[in-house]
Amino acid sequence: MSHTPHELADDFPEHTARIHDLRETDAHFRKLSDAYHDANRAVHRAETNVEPIDSQYETELRKQRMRIKDEIATILNKTQAMG
């Protein structure tokens, strides 16, 4: 298990500029990326015991982060195909 935060720019380095553009122009994408960031930070804080939480809750946070990341990936792939 890695205790390194999973930042969107690190997970999607080929889409860094697109992520920035979508955050500026698409309210839904901005909301998703903010939700991803919040879930990601909560998982990272739990992994590093900065804010220890119940393991079941940590698992739920990880699943939430993955669902959001999947939705972001879908948007990035669609917008790349369009552009």
C-alpha atoms as a PDB file:
ATOM      1  CA  MET A   1       0.000   0.000   0.000  1.00  0.00           C
ATOM      2  CA  SER A   2       1.340   3.365  -0.973  1.00  0.00           C
ATOM      3  CA  HIS A   3       1.064   6.303   1.379  1.00  0.00           C
ATOM      4  CA  THR A   4       1.506   8.767  -1.452  1.00  0.00           C
ATOM      5  CA  PRO A   5      -1.495  10.890  -2.412  1.00  0.00           C
ATOM      6  CA  HIS A   6      -3.023  10.005  -5.782  1.00  0.00           C
ATOM      7  CA  GLU A   7      -3.201  13.453  -7.359  1.00  0.00           C
ATOM      8  CA  LEU A   8      -5.117  13.701 -10.636  1.00  0.00           C
ATOM      9  CA  ALA A   9      -2.155  15.230 -12.463  1.00  0.00           C
ATOM     10  CA  ASP A  10      -0.021  12.269 -11.358  1.00  0.00           C
ATOM     11  CA  ASP A  11      -2.672   9.710 -12.307  1.00  0.00           C
ATOM     12  CA  PHE A  12      -3.386  11.346 -15.681  1.00  0.00           C
ATOM     13  CA  PRO A  13      -0.119  13.082 -16.685  1.00  0.00           C
ATOM     14  CA  GLU A  14      -1.119  13.117 -20.352  1.00  0.00           C
ATOM     15  CA  HIS A  15      -4.251  15.106 -19.437  1.00  0.00           C
ATOM     16  CA  THR A  16      -2.760  17.727 -17.112  1.00  0.00           C
ATOM     17  CA  ALA A  17      -3.649  20.674 -19.372  1.00  0.00           C
ATOM     18  CA  ARG A  18      -7.102  19.228 -20.068  1.00  0.00           C
ATOM     19  CA  ILE A  19      -7.776  18.808 -16.339  1.00  0.00           C
ATOM     20  CA  HIS A  20      -6.877  22.446 -15.792  1.00  0.00           C
ATOM     21  CA  ASP A  21      -9.065  23.594 -18.705  1.00  0.00           C
ATOM     22  CA  LEU A  22     -12.047  21.518 -17.598  1.00  0.00           C
ATOM     23  CA  ARG A  23     -11.762  22.782 -14.026  1.00  0.00           C
ATOM     24  CA  GLU A  24     -11.995  26.313 -15.421  1.00  0.00           C
ATOM     25  CA  THR A  25     -14.849  25.722 -17.874  1.00  0.00           C
ATOM     26  CA  ASP A  26     -16.956  22.786 -16.642  1.00  0.00           C
ATOM     27  CA  ALA A  27     -18.708  23.122 -13.277  1.00  0.00           C
ATOM     28  CA  HIS A  28     -19.528  19.397 -13.120  1.00  0.00           C
ATOM     29  CA  PHE A  29     -15.899  18.432 -13.752  1.00  0.00           C
ATOM     30  CA  ARG A  30     -14.707  20.958 -11.153  1.00  0.00           C
ATOM     31  CA  LYS A  31     -17.132  19.476  -8.617  1.00  0.00           C
ATOM     32  CA  LEU A  32     -15.878  15.963  -9.415  1.00  0.00           C
ATOM     33  CA  SER A  33     -12.225  16.941  -9.138  1.00  0.00           C
ATOM     34  CA  ASP A  34     -12.907  18.711  -5.827  1.00  0.00           C
ATOM     35  CA  ALA A  35     -14.718  15.619  -4.521  1.00  0.00           C
ATOM     36  CA  TYR A  36     -11.818  13.444  -5.688  1.00  0.00           C
ATOM     37  CA  HIS A  37      -9.344  15.729  -3.945  1.00  0.00           C
ATOM     38  CA  ASP A  38     -11.355  15.622  -0.691  1.00  0.00           C
ATOM     39  CA  ALA A  39     -11.667  11.817  -0.757  1.00  0.00           C
ATOM     40  CA  ASN A  40      -8.008  11.452  -1.720  1.00  0.00           C
ATOM     41  CA  ARG A  41      -6.848  13.648   1.156  1.00  0.00           C
ATOM     42  CA  ALA A  42      -9.052  11.776   3.625  1.00  0.00           C
ATOM     43  CA  VAL A  43      -7.613   8.429   2.493  1.00  0.00           C
ATOM     44  CA  HIS A  44      -4.058   9.763   2.649  1.00  0.00           C
ATOM     45  CA  ARG A  45      -4.598  11.181   6.138  1.00  0.00           C
ATOM     46  CA  ALA A  46      -6.013   7.827   7.277  1.00  0.00           C
ATOM     47  CA  GLU A  47      -3.137   5.856   5.701  1.00  0.00           C
ATOM     48  CA  THR A  48      -0.531   7.991   7.432  1.00  0.00           C
ATOM     49  CA  ASN A  49      -2.428   7.959  10.744  1.00  0.00           C
ATOM     50  CA  VAL A  50      -2.751  11.725  10.766  1.00  0.00           C
ATOM     51  CA  GLU A  51      -6.475  11.093  11.197  1.00  0.00           C
ATOM     52  CA  PRO A  52      -6.977   7.413  11.998  1.00  0.00           C
ATOM     53  CA  ILE A  53     -10.395   6.096  11.011  1.00  0.00           C
ATOM     54  CA  ASP A  54     -12.277   2.824  11.109  1.00  0.00           C
ATOM     55  CA  SER A  55     -10.961   0.415   8.452  1.00  0.00           C
ATOM     56  CA  GLN A  56     -14.446  -0.078   7.020  1.00  0.00           C
ATOM     57  CA  TYR A  57     -14.851   3.682   6.566  1.00  0.00           C
ATOM     58  CA  GLU A  58     -11.400   3.881   4.985  1.00  0.00           C
ATOM     59  CA  THR A  59     -12.432   1.161   2.527  1.00  0.00           C
ATOM     60  CA  GLU A  60     -15.567   3.128   1.658  1.00  0.00           C
ATOM     61  CA  LEU A  61     -13.497   6.265   1.079  1.00  0.00           C
ATOM     62  CA  ARG A  62     -11.201   4.318  -1.250  1.00  0.00           C
ATOM     63  CA  LYS A  63     -14.185   3.020  -3.208  1.00  0.00           C
ATOM     64  CA  GLN A  64     -15.629   6.530  -3.423  1.00  0.00           C
ATOM     65  CA  ARG A  65     -12.286   7.867  -4.662  1.00  0.00           C
ATOM     66  CA  MET A  66     -12.136   5.134  -7.316  1.00  0.00           C
ATOM     67  CA  ARG A  67     -15.698   5.796  -8.528  1.00  0.00           C
ATOM     68  CA  ILE A  68     -14.944   9.495  -8.885  1.00  0.00           C
ATOM     69  CA  LYS A  69     -11.644   8.758 -10.624  1.00  0.00           C
ATOM     70  CA  ASP A  70     -13.423   6.445 -13.071  1.00  0.00           C
ATOM     71  CA  GLU A  71     -15.937   9.174 -13.896  1.00  0.00           C
ATOM     72  CA  ILE A  72     -13.127  11.689 -14.375  1.00  0.00           C
ATOM     73  CA  ALA A  73     -11.285   9.256 -16.663  1.00  0.00           C
ATOM     74  CA  THR A  74     -14.436   8.803 -18.744  1.00  0.00           C
ATOM     75  CA  ILE A  75     -14.808  12.575 -19.149  1.00  0.00           C
ATOM     76  CA  LEU A  76     -11.130  13.010 -20.020  1.00  0.00           C
ATOM     77  CA  ASN A  77     -11.279  10.245 -22.628  1.00  0.00           C
ATOM     78  CA  LYS A  78     -14.478  11.636 -24.186  1.00  0.00           C
ATOM     79  CA  THR A  79     -13.150  15.168 -24.359  1.00  0.00           C
ATOM     80  CA  GLN A  80      -9.857  13.960 -25.803  1.00  0.00           C
ATOM     81  CA  ALA A  81     -11.720  12.095 -28.546  1.00  0.00           C
ATOM     82  CA  MET A  82     -13.726  15.257 -29.308  1.00  0.00           C
ATOM     83  CA  GLY A  83     -10.721  17.568 -29.354  1.00  0.00           C
END
